[in-house]
Protein backbone atom coordinates (compact mmCIF):
# COMPACT_ATOMS: atom_id res chain seq x y z
CA MET A 1 -43.75 53.34 34.34
CA ALA A 2 -45.16 49.83 34.12
CA ILE A 3 -42.84 46.96 35.05
CA ARG A 4 -43.04 43.92 32.73
CA LYS A 5 -41.70 40.38 33.10
CA THR A 6 -41.51 37.86 30.26
CA GLU A 7 -39.48 35.14 28.57
CA ALA A 8 -37.31 36.41 25.73
CA ILE A 9 -34.94 35.25 23.00
CA VAL A 10 -32.15 37.62 21.99
CA LEU A 11 -32.33 38.46 18.27
CA ARG A 12 -29.34 40.80 18.16
CA SER A 13 -27.38 43.22 20.34
CA ARG A 14 -25.08 46.16 19.76
CA ASP A 15 -22.89 48.37 21.90
CA PHE A 16 -24.32 51.63 23.21
CA ARG A 17 -21.85 54.20 24.47
CA GLU A 18 -19.07 52.73 26.62
CA THR A 19 -20.93 50.57 29.11
CA SER A 20 -24.35 49.58 27.78
CA LEU A 21 -26.06 47.47 25.12
CA ILE A 22 -29.13 47.91 22.95
CA VAL A 23 -30.75 44.49 22.58
CA SER A 24 -33.57 43.28 20.34
CA PHE A 25 -35.62 40.55 22.02
CA TYR A 26 -38.47 38.42 20.77
CA THR A 27 -40.66 37.91 23.83
CA ARG A 28 -43.44 35.51 24.67
CA ASP A 29 -45.86 38.17 25.90
CA PHE A 30 -44.99 41.35 23.97
CA GLY A 31 -43.54 40.27 20.63
CA LYS A 32 -40.38 42.07 19.51
CA ILE A 33 -39.02 44.77 21.80
CA ASN A 34 -35.83 46.83 21.78
CA GLY A 35 -34.29 47.39 25.16
CA LEU A 36 -31.47 49.36 26.73
CA VAL A 37 -29.37 47.35 29.21
CA LYS A 38 -27.39 49.90 31.19
CA GLY A 39 -23.89 49.23 32.48
CA ILE A 40 -23.88 45.57 31.43
CA ARG A 41 -20.45 45.82 29.76
CA THR A 42 -18.80 46.85 33.04
CA ARG A 43 -19.98 43.72 34.82
CA ASN A 44 -18.62 40.18 34.82
CA LYS A 45 -18.35 38.83 31.24
CA LYS A 46 -20.71 36.02 32.26
CA TYR A 47 -23.60 38.48 32.41
CA THR A 48 -22.77 40.02 29.05
CA SER A 49 -22.93 36.53 27.50
CA TYR A 50 -26.59 36.29 28.60
CA LEU A 51 -27.32 38.87 25.91
CA GLN A 52 -25.65 37.13 22.98
CA PRO A 53 -27.90 36.19 20.02
CA PHE A 54 -30.25 33.20 20.53
CA THR A 55 -29.85 33.11 24.30
CA TYR A 56 -33.14 32.37 26.07
CA ASN A 57 -33.80 34.50 29.15
CA GLU A 58 -36.38 35.75 31.54
CA ILE A 59 -36.24 39.53 31.56
CA VAL A 60 -37.74 42.37 33.55
CA PHE A 61 -38.15 45.70 31.77
CA TYR A 62 -39.81 49.09 32.07
CA ASP A 63 -41.97 50.50 29.29
CA LYS A 64 -40.37 52.84 26.75
CA VAL A 65 -38.69 55.85 28.27
CA HIS A 66 -35.47 56.34 26.26
CA GLY A 67 -36.31 57.41 22.71
CA GLY A 68 -38.43 54.37 21.94
CA LEU A 69 -36.32 51.93 23.98
CA CYS A 70 -37.46 49.92 26.97
CA THR A 71 -35.14 49.76 29.96
CA VAL A 72 -34.15 46.19 30.84
CA SER A 73 -33.39 45.93 34.55
CA GLN A 74 -32.98 42.15 34.99
CA CYS A 75 -31.96 39.24 32.78
CA ASP A 76 -31.93 35.65 34.07
CA LEU A 77 -30.49 33.01 31.74
CA LYS A 78 -32.68 29.98 30.96
CA ASP A 79 -30.72 28.41 28.06
CA PHE A 80 -27.45 29.32 26.30
CA PHE A 81 -27.75 26.60 23.59
CA PRO A 82 -24.09 25.53 23.90
CA VAL A 83 -24.44 22.75 21.28
CA ILE A 84 -25.37 25.37 18.65
CA ARG A 85 -22.48 27.66 19.64
CA GLU A 86 -19.93 24.85 19.34
CA ASP A 87 -20.92 24.19 15.71
CA LEU A 88 -20.34 26.88 13.07
CA GLN A 89 -23.02 25.55 10.70
CA LYS A 90 -25.64 25.39 13.45
CA THR A 91 -24.69 28.93 14.49
CA ALA A 92 -25.13 30.14 10.90
CA TYR A 93 -28.59 28.60 10.54
CA ALA A 94 -29.68 29.81 14.00
CA SER A 95 -28.59 33.33 12.99
CA TYR A 96 -30.78 33.01 9.89
CA LEU A 97 -33.86 32.15 11.99
CA LEU A 98 -33.22 35.17 14.20
CA GLU A 99 -32.77 37.49 11.24
CA LEU A 100 -36.00 36.23 9.64
CA VAL A 101 -37.93 36.91 12.83
CA ASN A 102 -36.34 40.33 13.26
CA GLU A 103 -37.07 41.38 9.66
CA THR A 104 -40.67 40.11 9.54
CA SER A 105 -41.89 41.12 13.02
CA PRO A 106 -43.16 44.61 13.84
CA GLU A 107 -42.41 45.91 17.31
CA GLN A 108 -44.68 44.87 20.18
CA ASP A 109 -46.90 42.67 18.03
CA LYS A 110 -47.57 39.74 20.35
CA ASN A 111 -47.41 36.30 18.71
CA ILE A 112 -46.99 33.46 21.20
CA ASP A 113 -47.06 30.86 18.41
CA LEU A 114 -44.09 32.54 16.72
CA PHE A 115 -42.18 32.69 20.01
CA ASN A 116 -42.82 28.99 20.58
CA LEU A 117 -41.85 28.16 16.99
CA LEU A 118 -38.51 29.96 17.37
CA LEU A 119 -37.75 28.44 20.77
CA THR A 120 -38.68 24.91 19.65
CA SER A 121 -36.56 25.23 16.50
CA LEU A 122 -33.50 26.38 18.46
CA ARG A 123 -33.90 23.51 20.90
CA LEU A 124 -34.18 20.98 18.06
CA PHE A 125 -31.03 22.32 16.39
CA SER A 126 -29.07 20.46 19.09
CA PHE A 127 -30.01 17.00 17.82
CA GLU A 128 -32.08 17.15 14.59
CA ASP A 129 -31.36 17.87 10.89
CA ILE A 130 -30.85 21.64 10.84
CA LYS A 131 -31.84 22.03 7.17
CA LYS A 132 -35.13 20.22 7.74
CA ILE A 133 -35.81 22.32 10.85
CA THR A 134 -35.06 25.48 8.87
CA HIS A 135 -37.57 24.56 6.15
CA ILE A 136 -40.20 23.73 8.75
CA PHE A 137 -39.52 27.07 10.45
CA GLU A 138 -39.77 29.02 7.18
CA ILE A 139 -43.07 27.40 6.17
CA ARG A 140 -44.68 27.77 9.58
CA LEU A 141 -43.43 31.36 9.86
CA LEU A 142 -45.08 32.21 6.54
CA LYS A 143 -48.32 30.65 7.74
CA LEU A 144 -48.25 32.56 11.05
CA LEU A 145 -47.64 35.83 9.21
CA GLY A 146 -50.45 35.19 6.73
CA LEU A 147 -47.98 34.99 3.84
CA MET A 148 -48.29 31.30 2.99
CA PRO A 149 -48.05 30.89 -0.82
CA VAL A 150 -50.95 29.34 -2.73
CA ILE A 151 -50.01 25.68 -3.24
CA THR A 152 -53.33 23.85 -3.71
CA ARG A 153 -54.59 25.73 -6.80
CA CYS A 154 -53.38 28.22 -9.39
CA ALA A 155 -52.44 31.52 -7.75
CA SER A 156 -53.40 33.39 -10.92
CA CYS A 157 -56.69 31.91 -12.18
CA ASN A 158 -57.69 29.83 -9.14
CA GLY A 159 -57.93 26.79 -11.39
CA ALA A 160 -56.90 23.24 -10.56
CA ILE A 161 -53.24 22.19 -10.74
CA LYS A 162 -52.90 19.16 -13.01
CA GLU A 163 -49.61 17.78 -14.26
CA LYS A 164 -46.87 20.38 -14.78
CA THR A 165 -46.73 23.41 -12.52
CA LYS A 166 -44.47 26.36 -11.88
CA PHE A 167 -43.95 28.64 -8.90
CA SER A 168 -44.25 32.41 -9.13
CA PRO A 169 -43.00 34.45 -6.13
CA MET A 170 -44.52 37.56 -7.76
CA LEU A 171 -48.01 36.04 -8.10
CA GLY A 172 -47.81 34.27 -4.76
CA GLY A 173 -47.80 30.56 -5.51
CA LEU A 174 -48.23 27.77 -8.01
CA LEU A 175 -49.29 28.38 -11.61
CA CYS A 176 -51.23 26.03 -13.85
CA ALA A 177 -49.93 25.38 -17.38
CA GLU A 178 -52.37 27.92 -18.85
CA CYS A 179 -50.88 30.69 -16.68
CA PHE A 180 -47.15 30.05 -17.14
CA LEU A 181 -46.75 33.08 -19.42
CA LYS A 182 -48.07 35.45 -16.76
CA ASP A 183 -44.67 35.38 -15.07
CA ASN A 184 -41.62 34.62 -17.19
CA LYS A 185 -39.55 34.26 -14.01
CA ALA A 186 -41.70 31.40 -12.70
CA PHE A 187 -39.76 28.15 -12.30
CA GLU A 188 -40.69 24.48 -12.38
CA VAL A 189 -41.85 22.81 -9.18
CA LEU A 190 -41.79 19.13 -8.30
CA LYS A 191 -45.11 17.78 -7.04
CA GLY A 192 -43.39 16.41 -3.97
CA ALA A 193 -42.06 19.85 -3.01
CA ALA A 194 -45.53 21.45 -3.07
CA ALA A 195 -46.99 18.44 -1.24
CA SER A 196 -44.27 18.71 1.43
CA MET A 197 -45.02 22.40 1.98
CA TYR A 198 -48.71 21.66 2.37
CA HIS A 199 -48.07 18.80 4.80
CA ILE A 200 -45.68 20.85 6.97
CA SER A 201 -48.17 23.74 7.11
CA LYS A 202 -50.95 21.46 8.38
CA VAL A 203 -49.38 19.04 10.89
CA GLY A 204 -47.64 19.47 14.24
CA TYR A 205 -43.90 19.99 14.52
CA GLU A 206 -43.22 16.38 15.54
CA GLN A 207 -45.09 15.02 12.51
CA ALA A 208 -43.35 17.48 10.21
CA LEU A 209 -39.96 16.20 11.41
CA ARG A 210 -40.90 12.66 10.41
CA LEU A 211 -41.46 13.70 6.79
CA LYS A 212 -38.89 12.10 4.45
CA VAL A 213 -37.97 13.88 1.22
CA SER A 214 -35.52 13.07 -1.56
CA GLU A 215 -32.51 15.27 -2.24
CA GLY A 216 -34.16 16.61 -5.42
CA ILE A 217 -37.33 17.60 -3.58
CA GLU A 218 -35.30 19.17 -0.76
CA GLN A 219 -33.40 21.30 -3.28
CA ASN A 220 -36.61 22.32 -5.04
CA LEU A 221 -38.26 23.16 -1.72
CA ASN A 222 -35.24 25.24 -0.75
CA LYS A 223 -35.48 27.20 -4.02
CA ILE A 224 -39.20 27.86 -3.55
CA LEU A 225 -38.77 29.15 -0.02
CA ARG A 226 -35.64 31.17 -0.77
CA MET A 227 -37.13 32.90 -3.82
CA PHE A 228 -40.46 33.57 -2.09
CA LEU A 229 -38.91 35.00 1.08
CA ASP A 230 -36.43 37.09 -0.89
CA PHE A 231 -39.29 38.56 -2.92
CA HIS A 232 -41.29 39.53 0.17
CA LEU A 233 -38.34 40.80 2.22
CA ASP A 234 -37.00 42.80 -0.73
CA LYS A 235 -33.50 42.65 0.75
CA SER A 236 -30.65 40.21 1.14
CA LEU A 237 -30.11 38.72 4.59
CA LYS A 238 -26.58 38.79 5.97
CA SER A 239 -27.05 35.38 7.58
CA LEU A 240 -27.60 33.75 4.18
CA GLU A 241 -24.15 34.90 3.05
CA PHE A 242 -22.77 33.42 6.27
CA ILE A 243 -24.49 30.09 5.50
CA ARG A 244 -23.16 30.14 1.93
CA LYS A 245 -19.56 30.68 3.07
CA ILE A 246 -19.80 27.93 5.68
CA SER A 247 -21.25 25.51 3.10
CA GLU A 248 -18.49 26.32 0.61
CA HIS A 249 -15.86 25.79 3.29
CA MET A 250 -17.33 22.43 4.28
CA THR A 251 -17.49 21.33 0.64
CA TYR A 252 -13.84 22.32 0.13
CA GLU A 253 -12.77 20.38 3.24
CA ASN A 254 -14.55 17.24 1.97
CA LEU A 255 -12.81 17.27 -1.42
């Protein structure tokens, strides 16, 4: 059995029998892996906390030997992200990033850029606008996965986008006025929302954070990304319901 060592972010964990955990990690060097951590629940609670979602660790594991699971023999904590854990809204959005990565990443498909994107986003959650970070993450994730929607021309006829435009998740991007009828579920898009997506997909993370958008554009951008990701995932994410409930609670408290 080969012994591997890598940096890893915990995506999720669940109990296995009475003493162990099965943990999904996104690793720097091996992509997503599922590992069995034996006996961890009988140890000091401090060690169990190392395997909570969005902890950042250095792990040592053996290649698959237990029904498709790796065996994780060592886990050294690098960052617990306490600022995220102390804030329910930050926790909800961090959970969404993890669920997106888990649902879109095949096992052992190495993608260092995706690992770095996830780690950078979690670090920035401590002191930046979490909604802006989430949009940047979504757009850059789509680009890394080769799923970026067509936003510089018509996704149907390949023609130029002039004045009015709509977005079609089914056809994979913007539609020119001549192609609106090809998808009756397509919805109107503000020019600034499409321009923001293009900008974020092309520049570095630091430059993307400096981008200023109006509330209307932010809402339109959120609709584009939500509808597009929902179409491709073909399932509802539990973390989105968590975000919705937190947002409703915060709105109620501010009344």
